């Protein structure tokens, strides 16, 4: 009789688990740089969404946390990654619907974000889509170590000093825009991200301005083929997508 009473109590009085979404920053590439809170959230999550740039492509963010998500349900989401040909609105709407499907099953869901959740994070747009159309959903955002912080630490580079400004921006597509940018700054540190395919002419401009040897170049941080050091010492003509420059302008 007592066992039946306990069973009834569990069925009718136990608090039902609610679904939720946690956006987890996983850092720039090295699993040892995951925060404690990120590992806790990964362990609690039942469904893991992670970004990919196209069909049948690997995910850097999923690779970083692979030992934590082996037994979890893993679902890739195609993100536009800045490609103009992609319909971003459709991507965010369909991604939000997929995530909500599992949250409505009262499951704790996680969305992985490479780097930090507040610096050029595509997860922001997905988060905004969910907040707009599903305001009842609880969303927790966990920050992580950014590529900027790691590059500065490994390159022995002070990101900002007293009296300086710090500007974080994507590398301009146009050479003249880049020259104008360098000419108009004073007592400023430029953190230029996503240099990538623009590297050949960026390097030439920095050499002409005699600041190439003062610049720190970071490539594939936290990954096996990482490079961090003086920009003038990087010999390859091309840079991968994950590349950034740190420049101090003393004009």
C-alpha atoms as a PDB file:
ATOM      1  CA  UNK A   1       0.000   0.000   0.000  1.00  0.00           C
ATOM      2  CA  UNK A   2       2.820   2.365   0.923  1.00  0.00           C
ATOM      3  CA  UNK A   3       4.580   1.719  -2.418  1.00  0.00           C
ATOM      4  CA  UNK A   4       1.382   2.553  -4.320  1.00  0.00           C
ATOM      5  CA  UNK A   5       1.060   5.824  -2.386  1.00  0.00           C
ATOM      6  CA  UNK A   6       4.672   6.782  -3.224  1.00  0.00           C
ATOM      7  CA  UNK A   7       4.075   6.022  -6.905  1.00  0.00           C
ATOM      8  CA  UNK A   8       0.921   8.159  -6.977  1.00  0.00           C
ATOM      9  CA  UNK A   9       2.777  10.980  -5.233  1.00  0.00           C
ATOM     10  CA  UNK A  10       5.536  10.861  -7.834  1.00  0.00           C
ATOM     11  CA  UNK A  11       3.051  10.917 -10.704  1.00  0.00           C
ATOM     12  CA  UNK A  12       0.923  13.794  -9.483  1.00  0.00           C
ATOM     13  CA  UNK A  13       3.131  15.921  -7.278  1.00  0.00           C
ATOM     14  CA  UNK A  14       6.629  15.702  -8.760  1.00  0.00           C
ATOM     15  CA  UNK A  15       7.808  18.792 -10.585  1.00  0.00           C
ATOM     16  CA  UNK A  16       7.894  18.189 -14.318  1.00  0.00           C
ATOM     17  CA  UNK A  17      11.236  18.862 -16.009  1.00  0.00           C
ATOM     18  CA  UNK A  18      11.084  21.882 -18.316  1.00  0.00           C
ATOM     19  CA  UNK A  19      12.917  22.182 -21.572  1.00  0.00           C
ATOM     20  CA  UNK A  20      15.527  24.919 -21.890  1.00  0.00           C
ATOM     21  CA  UNK A  21      18.255  26.230 -24.178  1.00  0.00           C
ATOM     22  CA  UNK A  22      21.834  26.895 -23.154  1.00  0.00           C
ATOM     23  CA  UNK A  23      24.144  28.616 -25.648  1.00  0.00           C
ATOM     24  CA  UNK A  24      27.637  27.417 -24.789  1.00  0.00           C
ATOM     25  CA  UNK A  25      30.818  29.160 -25.877  1.00  0.00           C
ATOM     26  CA  UNK A  26      33.477  26.484 -26.377  1.00  0.00           C
ATOM     27  CA  UNK A  27      36.515  28.725 -26.919  1.00  0.00           C
ATOM     28  CA  UNK A  28      38.787  29.028 -29.961  1.00  0.00           C
ATOM     29  CA  UNK A  29      39.895  25.416 -30.330  1.00  0.00           C
ATOM     30  CA  UNK A  30      41.724  23.931 -27.349  1.00  0.00           C
ATOM     31  CA  UNK A  31      39.435  21.739 -25.173  1.00  0.00           C
ATOM     32  CA  UNK A  32      41.513  22.606 -22.091  1.00  0.00           C
ATOM     33  CA  UNK A  33      40.249  26.187 -22.380  1.00  0.00           C
ATOM     34  CA  UNK A  34      36.608  25.235 -21.797  1.00  0.00           C
ATOM     35  CA  UNK A  35      35.123  26.918 -18.739  1.00  0.00           C
ATOM     36  CA  UNK A  36      33.930  24.810 -15.816  1.00  0.00           C
ATOM     37  CA  UNK A  37      30.400  26.105 -16.366  1.00  0.00           C
ATOM     38  CA  UNK A  38      30.540  25.040 -20.023  1.00  0.00           C
ATOM     39  CA  UNK A  39      31.488  21.458 -19.110  1.00  0.00           C
ATOM     40  CA  UNK A  40      28.690  21.329 -16.529  1.00  0.00           C
ATOM     41  CA  UNK A  41      26.140  22.527 -19.070  1.00  0.00           C
ATOM     42  CA  UNK A  42      27.350  20.011 -21.666  1.00  0.00           C
ATOM     43  CA  UNK A  43      26.968  17.164 -19.186  1.00  0.00           C
ATOM     44  CA  UNK A  44      23.414  18.227 -18.308  1.00  0.00           C
ATOM     45  CA  UNK A  45      22.260  18.703 -21.895  1.00  0.00           C
ATOM     46  CA  UNK A  46      20.477  15.882 -23.704  1.00  0.00           C
ATOM     47  CA  UNK A  47      20.485  17.377 -27.223  1.00  0.00           C
ATOM     48  CA  UNK A  48      23.476  19.188 -28.749  1.00  0.00           C
ATOM     49  CA  UNK A  49      23.128  21.497 -31.741  1.00  0.00           C
ATOM     50  CA  UNK A  50      26.299  22.642 -33.465  1.00  0.00           C
ATOM     51  CA  UNK A  51      27.017  24.864 -36.501  1.00  0.00           C
ATOM     52  CA  UNK A  52      28.428  23.688 -39.813  1.00  0.00           C
ATOM     53  CA  UNK A  53      29.123  25.718 -42.936  1.00  0.00           C
ATOM     54  CA  UNK A  54      27.549  23.289 -45.381  1.00  0.00           C
ATOM     55  CA  UNK A  55      26.297  19.774 -46.011  1.00  0.00           C
ATOM     56  CA  UNK A  56      28.519  16.909 -44.803  1.00  0.00           C
ATOM     57  CA  UNK A  57      31.102  19.224 -43.207  1.00  0.00           C
ATOM     58  CA  UNK A  58      32.772  18.816 -39.842  1.00  0.00           C
ATOM     59  CA  UNK A  59      32.177  21.208 -36.983  1.00  0.00           C
ATOM     60  CA  UNK A  60      35.087  22.794 -35.112  1.00  0.00           C
ATOM     61  CA  UNK A  61      32.874  23.491 -32.118  1.00  0.00           C
ATOM     62  CA  UNK A  62      31.672  19.872 -31.913  1.00  0.00           C
ATOM     63  CA  UNK A  63      35.256  18.605 -32.225  1.00  0.00           C
ATOM     64  CA  UNK A  64      36.339  20.700 -29.222  1.00  0.00           C
ATOM     65  CA  UNK A  65      33.744  19.113 -26.925  1.00  0.00           C
ATOM     66  CA  UNK A  66      33.575  15.626 -28.479  1.00  0.00           C
ATOM     67  CA  UNK A  67      34.446  13.789 -25.253  1.00  0.00           C
ATOM     68  CA  UNK A  68      31.480  15.420 -23.491  1.00  0.00           C
ATOM     69  CA  UNK A  69      28.855  14.762 -26.171  1.00  0.00           C
ATOM     70  CA  UNK A  70      29.606  11.204 -27.331  1.00  0.00           C
ATOM     71  CA  UNK A  71      26.377   9.796 -25.864  1.00  0.00           C
ATOM     72  CA  UNK A  72      24.212  12.830 -26.603  1.00  0.00           C
ATOM     73  CA  UNK A  73      21.875  13.372 -29.522  1.00  0.00           C
ATOM     74  CA  UNK A  74      23.891  15.567 -31.905  1.00  0.00           C
ATOM     75  CA  UNK A  75      22.259  17.712 -34.573  1.00  0.00           C
ATOM     76  CA  UNK A  76      24.166  19.898 -37.079  1.00  0.00           C
ATOM     77  CA  UNK A  77      22.731  23.239 -38.165  1.00  0.00           C
ATOM     78  CA  UNK A  78      23.905  24.906 -41.362  1.00  0.00           C
ATOM     79  CA  UNK A  79      24.881  28.512 -40.616  1.00  0.00           C
ATOM     80  CA  UNK A  80      25.393  31.125 -43.381  1.00  0.00           C
ATOM     81  CA  UNK A  81      28.906  32.039 -42.082  1.00  0.00           C
ATOM     82  CA  UNK A  82      28.737  35.384 -43.903  1.00  0.00           C
ATOM     83  CA  UNK A  83      27.870  33.924 -47.333  1.00  0.00           C
ATOM     84  CA  UNK A  84      25.686  36.411 -49.231  1.00  0.00           C
ATOM     85  CA  UNK A  85      24.044  33.721 -51.361  1.00  0.00           C
ATOM     86  CA  UNK A  86      22.386  32.111 -48.326  1.00  0.00           C
ATOM     87  CA  UNK A  87      18.949  33.154 -47.078  1.00  0.00           C
ATOM     88  CA  UNK A  88      19.885  34.050 -43.496  1.00  0.00           C
ATOM     89  CA  UNK A  89      16.298  34.695 -42.362  1.00  0.00           C
ATOM     90  CA  UNK A  90      15.221  31.247 -43.517  1.00  0.00           C
ATOM     91  CA  UNK A  91      18.240  29.625 -41.828  1.00  0.00           C
ATOM     92  CA  UNK A  92      17.541  31.272 -38.453  1.00  0.00           C
ATOM     93  CA  UNK A  93      13.806  30.523 -38.610  1.00  0.00           C
ATOM     94  CA  UNK A  94      14.240  26.849 -39.530  1.00  0.00           C
ATOM     95  CA  UNK A  95      17.043  26.436 -36.966  1.00  0.00           C
ATOM     96  CA  UNK A  96      14.875  27.943 -34.248  1.00  0.00           C
ATOM     97  CA  UNK A  97      12.019  25.578 -35.098  1.00  0.00           C
ATOM     98  CA  UNK A  98      14.315  22.558 -34.850  1.00  0.00           C
ATOM     99  CA  UNK A  99      15.609  23.641 -31.449  1.00  0.00           C
ATOM    100  CA  UNK A 100      12.107  24.409 -30.145  1.00  0.00           C
ATOM    101  CA  UNK A 101      10.919  20.938 -31.192  1.00  0.00           C
ATOM    102  CA  UNK A 102      13.261  19.338 -28.634  1.00  0.00           C
ATOM    103  CA  UNK A 103      12.691  21.977 -25.975  1.00  0.00           C
ATOM    104  CA  UNK A 104       8.944  21.250 -26.218  1.00  0.00           C
ATOM    105  CA  UNK A 105       9.800  17.654 -25.387  1.00  0.00           C
ATOM    106  CA  UNK A 106      11.044  19.034 -22.050  1.00  0.00           C
ATOM    107  CA  UNK A 107      14.670  18.322 -22.882  1.00  0.00           C
ATOM    108  CA  UNK A 108      17.694  20.434 -21.914  1.00  0.00           C
ATOM    109  CA  UNK A 109      19.131  21.597 -25.232  1.00  0.00           C
ATOM    110  CA  UNK A 110      22.557  23.117 -25.918  1.00  0.00           C
ATOM    111  CA  UNK A 111      23.747  25.183 -28.879  1.00  0.00           C
ATOM    112  CA  UNK A 112      27.524  25.319 -29.344  1.00  0.00           C
ATOM    113  CA  UNK A 113      29.284  28.559 -30.199  1.00  0.00           C
ATOM    114  CA  UNK A 114      32.915  28.686 -31.307  1.00  0.00           C
ATOM    115  CA  UNK A 115      34.942  31.258 -29.392  1.00  0.00           C
ATOM    116  CA  UNK A 116      32.863  33.607 -27.261  1.00  0.00           C
ATOM    117  CA  UNK A 117      29.098  34.180 -27.411  1.00  0.00           C
ATOM    118  CA  UNK A 118      29.422  37.964 -27.749  1.00  0.00           C
ATOM    119  CA  UNK A 119      32.045  38.399 -30.507  1.00  0.00           C
ATOM    120  CA  UNK A 120      30.864  37.772 -34.083  1.00  0.00           C
ATOM    121  CA  UNK A 121      28.737  34.898 -32.819  1.00  0.00           C
ATOM    122  CA  UNK A 122      26.216  33.537 -35.321  1.00  0.00           C
ATOM    123  CA  UNK A 123      24.360  32.005 -32.380  1.00  0.00           C
ATOM    124  CA  UNK A 124      23.209  35.557 -31.501  1.00  0.00           C
ATOM    125  CA  UNK A 125      20.883  35.663 -34.532  1.00  0.00           C
ATOM    126  CA  UNK A 126      19.398  32.294 -33.692  1.00  0.00           C
ATOM    127  CA  UNK A 127      18.918  33.416 -30.092  1.00  0.00           C
ATOM    128  CA  UNK A 128      17.124  36.591 -31.254  1.00  0.00           C
ATOM    129  CA  UNK A 129      14.841  34.517 -33.487  1.00  0.00           C
ATOM    130  CA  UNK A 130      13.849  32.300 -30.555  1.00  0.00           C
ATOM    131  CA  UNK A 131      13.361  35.261 -28.193  1.00  0.00           C
ATOM    132  CA  UNK A 132      11.113  36.978 -30.741  1.00  0.00           C
ATOM    133  CA  UNK A 133       8.895  34.024 -31.614  1.00  0.00           C
ATOM    134  CA  UNK A 134       9.115  31.884 -28.463  1.00  0.00           C
ATOM    135  CA  UNK A 135       9.457  34.384 -25.566  1.00  0.00           C
ATOM    136  CA  UNK A 136       8.433  31.759 -23.009  1.00  0.00           C
ATOM    137  CA  UNK A 137      11.624  29.739 -23.592  1.00  0.00           C
ATOM    138  CA  UNK A 138      14.367  30.052 -21.000  1.00  0.00           C
ATOM    139  CA  UNK A 139      17.722  30.848 -22.623  1.00  0.00           C
ATOM    140  CA  UNK A 140      21.033  30.803 -20.768  1.00  0.00           C
ATOM    141  CA  UNK A 141      24.147  32.201 -22.469  1.00  0.00           C
ATOM    142  CA  UNK A 142      27.569  31.074 -21.262  1.00  0.00           C
ATOM    143  CA  UNK A 143      30.630  33.126 -22.288  1.00  0.00           C
ATOM    144  CA  UNK A 144      33.975  31.614 -23.222  1.00  0.00           C
ATOM    145  CA  UNK A 145      37.573  32.498 -23.974  1.00  0.00           C
ATOM    146  CA  UNK A 146      37.757  34.502 -27.200  1.00  0.00           C
ATOM    147  CA  UNK A 147      40.383  34.159 -29.911  1.00  0.00           C
ATOM    148  CA  UNK A 148      41.369  37.767 -29.139  1.00  0.00           C
ATOM    149  CA  UNK A 149      42.165  36.983 -25.523  1.00  0.00           C
ATOM    150  CA  UNK A 150      44.095  33.848 -26.435  1.00  0.00           C
ATOM    151  CA  UNK A 151      46.047  35.599 -29.197  1.00  0.00           C
ATOM    152  CA  UNK A 152      47.003  38.431 -26.854  1.00  0.00           C
ATOM    153  CA  UNK A 153      48.101  36.008 -24.124  1.00  0.00           C
ATOM    154  CA  UNK A 154      50.144  33.749 -26.413  1.00  0.00           C
ATOM    155  CA  UNK A 155      51.620  36.696 -28.328  1.00  0.00           C
ATOM    156  CA  UNK A 156      52.564  38.604 -25.168  1.00  0.00           C
ATOM    157  CA  UNK A 157      50.472  41.500 -26.460  1.00  0.00           C
ATOM    158  CA  UNK A 158      48.623  43.944 -24.201  1.00  0.00           C
ATOM    159  CA  UNK A 159      45.220  44.378 -25.850  1.00  0.00           C
ATOM    160  CA  UNK A 160      44.641  47.847 -24.441  1.00  0.00           C
ATOM    161  CA  UNK A 161      46.622  50.269 -22.297  1.00  0.00           C
ATOM    162  CA  UNK A 162      45.605  53.413 -20.438  1.00  0.00           C
ATOM    163  CA  UNK A 163      44.589  56.180 -22.840  1.00  0.00           C
ATOM    164  CA  UNK A 164      44.113  53.809 -25.798  1.00  0.00           C
ATOM    165  CA  UNK A 165      41.075  52.648 -27.737  1.00  0.00           C
ATOM    166  CA  UNK A 166      40.415  49.052 -28.757  1.00  0.00           C
ATOM    167  CA  UNK A 167      38.583  48.411 -32.022  1.00  0.00           C
ATOM    168  CA  UNK A 168      37.429  44.946 -33.029  1.00  0.00           C
ATOM    169  CA  UNK A 169      36.411  44.645 -36.652  1.00  0.00           C
ATOM    170  CA  UNK A 170      36.247  42.356 -39.647  1.00  0.00           C
ATOM    171  CA  UNK A 171      38.967  42.869 -42.209  1.00  0.00           C
ATOM    172  CA  UNK A 172      37.724  45.218 -44.959  1.00  0.00           C
ATOM    173  CA  UNK A 173      37.247  43.674 -48.396  1.00  0.00           C
ATOM    174  CA  UNK A 174      38.724  46.709 -50.088  1.00  0.00           C
ATOM    175  CA  UNK A 175      42.435  47.605 -49.982  1.00  0.00           C
ATOM    176  CA  UNK A 176      41.774  51.362 -49.922  1.00  0.00           C
ATOM    177  CA  UNK A 177      39.334  51.006 -47.024  1.00  0.00           C
ATOM    178  CA  UNK A 178      42.057  49.174 -45.116  1.00  0.00           C
ATOM    179  CA  UNK A 179      44.591  51.944 -45.840  1.00  0.00           C
ATOM    180  CA  UNK A 180      42.090  54.594 -44.700  1.00  0.00           C
ATOM    181  CA  UNK A 181      41.487  52.620 -41.537  1.00  0.00           C
ATOM    182  CA  UNK A 182      45.182  52.585 -40.678  1.00  0.00           C
ATOM    183  CA  UNK A 183      45.556  56.294 -41.474  1.00  0.00           C
ATOM    184  CA  UNK A 184      42.681  57.503 -39.308  1.00  0.00           C
ATOM    185  CA  UNK A 185      43.588  55.759 -36.065  1.00  0.00           C
ATOM    186  CA  UNK A 186      45.556  57.236 -33.176  1.00  0.00           C
ATOM    187  CA  UNK A 187      46.494  55.572 -29.892  1.00  0.00           C
ATOM    188  CA  UNK A 188      44.410  52.630 -30.977  1.00  0.00           C
ATOM    189  CA  UNK A 189      44.724  48.865 -30.979  1.00  0.00           C
ATOM    190  CA  UNK A 190      43.087  47.197 -33.969  1.00  0.00           C
ATOM    191  CA  UNK A 191      41.933  43.621 -33.618  1.00  0.00           C
ATOM    192  CA  UNK A 192      41.260  42.666 -37.240  1.00  0.00           C
ATOM    193  CA  UNK A 193      39.412  39.379 -37.604  1.00  0.00           C
ATOM    194  CA  UNK A 194      38.744  37.095 -40.562  1.00  0.00           C
ATOM    195  CA  UNK A 195      41.771  38.248 -42.554  1.00  0.00           C
ATOM    196  CA  UNK A 196      41.825  34.993 -44.525  1.00  0.00           C
ATOM    197  CA  UNK A 197      41.917  35.392 -48.310  1.00  0.00           C
ATOM    198  CA  UNK A 198      42.753  39.116 -48.039  1.00  0.00           C
ATOM    199  CA  UNK A 199      46.158  38.366 -46.509  1.00  0.00           C
ATOM    200  CA  UNK A 200      48.297  38.930 -49.619  1.00  0.00           C
ATOM    201  CA  UNK A 201      47.362  42.596 -50.043  1.00  0.00           C
ATOM    202  CA  UNK A 202      46.959  43.183 -46.266  1.00  0.00           C
ATOM    203  CA  UNK A 203      50.551  42.061 -45.772  1.00  0.00           C
ATOM    204  CA  UNK A 204      51.723  44.338 -48.587  1.00  0.00           C
ATOM    205  CA  UNK A 205      49.958  47.380 -47.062  1.00  0.00           C
ATOM    206  CA  UNK A 206      51.372  46.682 -43.591  1.00  0.00           C
ATOM    207  CA  UNK A 207      54.852  46.360 -45.106  1.00  0.00           C
ATOM    208  CA  UNK A 208      54.468  49.661 -46.957  1.00  0.00           C
ATOM    209  CA  UNK A 209      53.345  51.332 -43.708  1.00  0.00           C
ATOM    210  CA  UNK A 210      56.316  49.789 -41.881  1.00  0.00           C
ATOM    211  CA  UNK A 211      54.075  48.198 -39.243  1.00  0.00           C
ATOM    212  CA  UNK A 212      54.185  44.569 -40.388  1.00  0.00           C
ATOM    213  CA  UNK A 213      56.948  43.735 -37.873  1.00  0.00           C
ATOM    214  CA  UNK A 214      54.886  45.264 -35.059  1.00  0.00           C
ATOM    215  CA  UNK A 215      51.786  43.201 -35.839  1.00  0.00           C
ATOM    216  CA  UNK A 216      50.848  39.922 -34.175  1.00  0.00           C
ATOM    217  CA  UNK A 217      49.291  37.304 -36.429  1.00  0.00           C
ATOM    218  CA  UNK A 218      47.211  34.451 -35.014  1.00  0.00           C
ATOM    219  CA  UNK A 219      46.123  31.523 -37.174  1.00  0.00           C
ATOM    220  CA  UNK A 220      43.963  28.534 -36.188  1.00  0.00           C
ATOM    221  CA  UNK A 221      44.311  29.213 -32.466  1.00  0.00           C
ATOM    222  CA  UNK A 222      43.943  26.177 -30.242  1.00  0.00           C
ATOM    223  CA  UNK A 223      44.168  23.822 -33.211  1.00  0.00           C
ATOM    224  CA  UNK A 224      46.969  21.479 -34.292  1.00  0.00           C
ATOM    225  CA  UNK A 225      48.239  23.814 -37.033  1.00  0.00           C
ATOM    226  CA  UNK A 226      48.230  26.921 -34.838  1.00  0.00           C
ATOM    227  CA  UNK A 227      50.514  29.855 -35.608  1.00  0.00           C
ATOM    228  CA  UNK A 228      51.010  32.808 -33.274  1.00  0.00           C
ATOM    229  CA  UNK A 229      53.814  35.306 -33.739  1.00  0.00           C
ATOM    230  CA  UNK A 230      55.149  38.257 -35.662  1.00  0.00           C
ATOM    231  CA  UNK A 231      53.178  38.780 -38.872  1.00  0.00           C
ATOM    232  CA  UNK A 232      56.375  39.309 -40.878  1.00  0.00           C
ATOM    233  CA  UNK A 233      57.541  35.779 -40.078  1.00  0.00           C
ATOM    234  CA  UNK A 234      54.488  34.024 -41.516  1.00  0.00           C
ATOM    235  CA  UNK A 235      55.691  32.741 -44.903  1.00  0.00           C
ATOM    236  CA  UNK A 236      52.556  31.240 -46.480  1.00  0.00           C
ATOM    237  CA  UNK A 237      50.797  33.401 -49.071  1.00  0.00           C
ATOM    238  CA  UNK A 238      47.303  32.421 -47.929  1.00  0.00           C
ATOM    239  CA  UNK A 239      45.591  32.456 -44.560  1.00  0.00           C
ATOM    240  CA  UNK A 240      42.721  30.215 -43.442  1.00  0.00           C
ATOM    241  CA  UNK A 241      39.360  31.598 -42.288  1.00  0.00           C
ATOM    242  CA  UNK A 242      40.399  31.498 -38.613  1.00  0.00           C
ATOM    243  CA  UNK A 243      43.000  34.245 -38.668  1.00  0.00           C
ATOM    244  CA  UNK A 244      43.353  37.615 -36.963  1.00  0.00           C
ATOM    245  CA  UNK A 245      45.774  40.508 -36.608  1.00  0.00           C
ATOM    246  CA  UNK A 246      46.606  42.616 -33.560  1.00  0.00           C
ATOM    247  CA  UNK A 247      48.012  46.054 -34.411  1.00  0.00           C
ATOM    248  CA  UNK A 248      49.008  48.976 -32.196  1.00  0.00           C
ATOM    249  CA  UNK A 249      48.735  52.326 -33.996  1.00  0.00           C
ATOM    250  CA  UNK A 250      50.751  55.090 -32.306  1.00  0.00           C
ATOM    251  CA  UNK A 251      50.045  57.940 -34.760  1.00  0.00           C
END
